[in-house]
């Protein structure tokens, strides 16, 4: 969700607006001058 930031927010090169977005593994998220890949770890049962 981006609420009018100066540089915008992008997911996989697409601009993000005010509506919430769903993410999947390895999505590229860009904020300001920074970019990162989103990765969700799977929970593992404890023995």
Protein backbone atom coordinates (compact mmCIF):
# COMPACT_ATOMS: atom_id res chain seq x y z
CA UNK A 1 0.00 0.00 0.00
CA UNK A 2 1.41 3.40 -0.96
CA UNK A 3 -0.33 6.52 0.33
CA UNK A 4 1.30 9.12 -1.90
CA UNK A 5 5.00 8.73 -1.16
CA UNK A 6 7.44 10.89 -3.11
CA UNK A 7 9.17 8.05 -4.99
CA UNK A 8 6.32 5.56 -5.08
CA UNK A 9 6.24 1.87 -4.25
CA UNK A 10 6.48 -0.85 -6.90
CA UNK A 11 5.94 -4.62 -6.90
CA UNK A 12 7.52 -6.42 -9.85
CA UNK A 13 7.78 -3.06 -11.63
CA UNK A 14 4.09 -2.21 -11.19
CA UNK A 15 3.11 0.87 -9.16
CA UNK A 16 1.23 0.18 -5.92
CA UNK A 17 -1.75 2.35 -5.02
CA UNK A 18 -3.81 2.77 -1.86
CA UNK A 19 -5.34 -0.73 -2.06
CA UNK A 20 -3.61 -3.61 -0.19
CA UNK A 21 -1.65 -6.01 -2.40
CA UNK A 22 -1.01 -9.74 -2.02
CA UNK A 23 2.59 -10.88 -2.29
CA UNK A 24 4.11 -14.15 -3.41
CA UNK A 25 7.60 -15.58 -3.01
CA UNK A 26 10.34 -13.73 -4.89
CA UNK A 27 8.25 -10.63 -5.60
CA UNK A 28 10.55 -7.66 -6.23
CA UNK A 29 9.55 -4.78 -3.94
CA UNK A 30 10.96 -1.29 -4.63
CA UNK A 31 10.76 1.47 -1.98
CA UNK A 32 12.49 4.79 -2.58
CA UNK A 33 15.92 3.93 -3.97
CA UNK A 34 15.97 0.42 -2.51
CA UNK A 35 14.78 -2.90 -3.95
CA UNK A 36 14.42 -6.32 -2.32
CA UNK A 37 12.94 -9.71 -3.10
CA UNK A 38 10.14 -10.91 -0.83
CA UNK A 39 10.47 -14.49 0.42
CA UNK A 40 8.26 -16.30 2.93
CA UNK A 41 9.81 -19.05 5.02
CA UNK A 42 7.65 -22.11 5.58
CA UNK A 43 7.02 -22.94 9.20
CA UNK A 44 8.44 -26.27 10.33
CA UNK A 45 7.07 -28.50 13.04
CA UNK A 46 9.18 -28.93 16.16
CA UNK A 47 9.96 -32.50 17.19
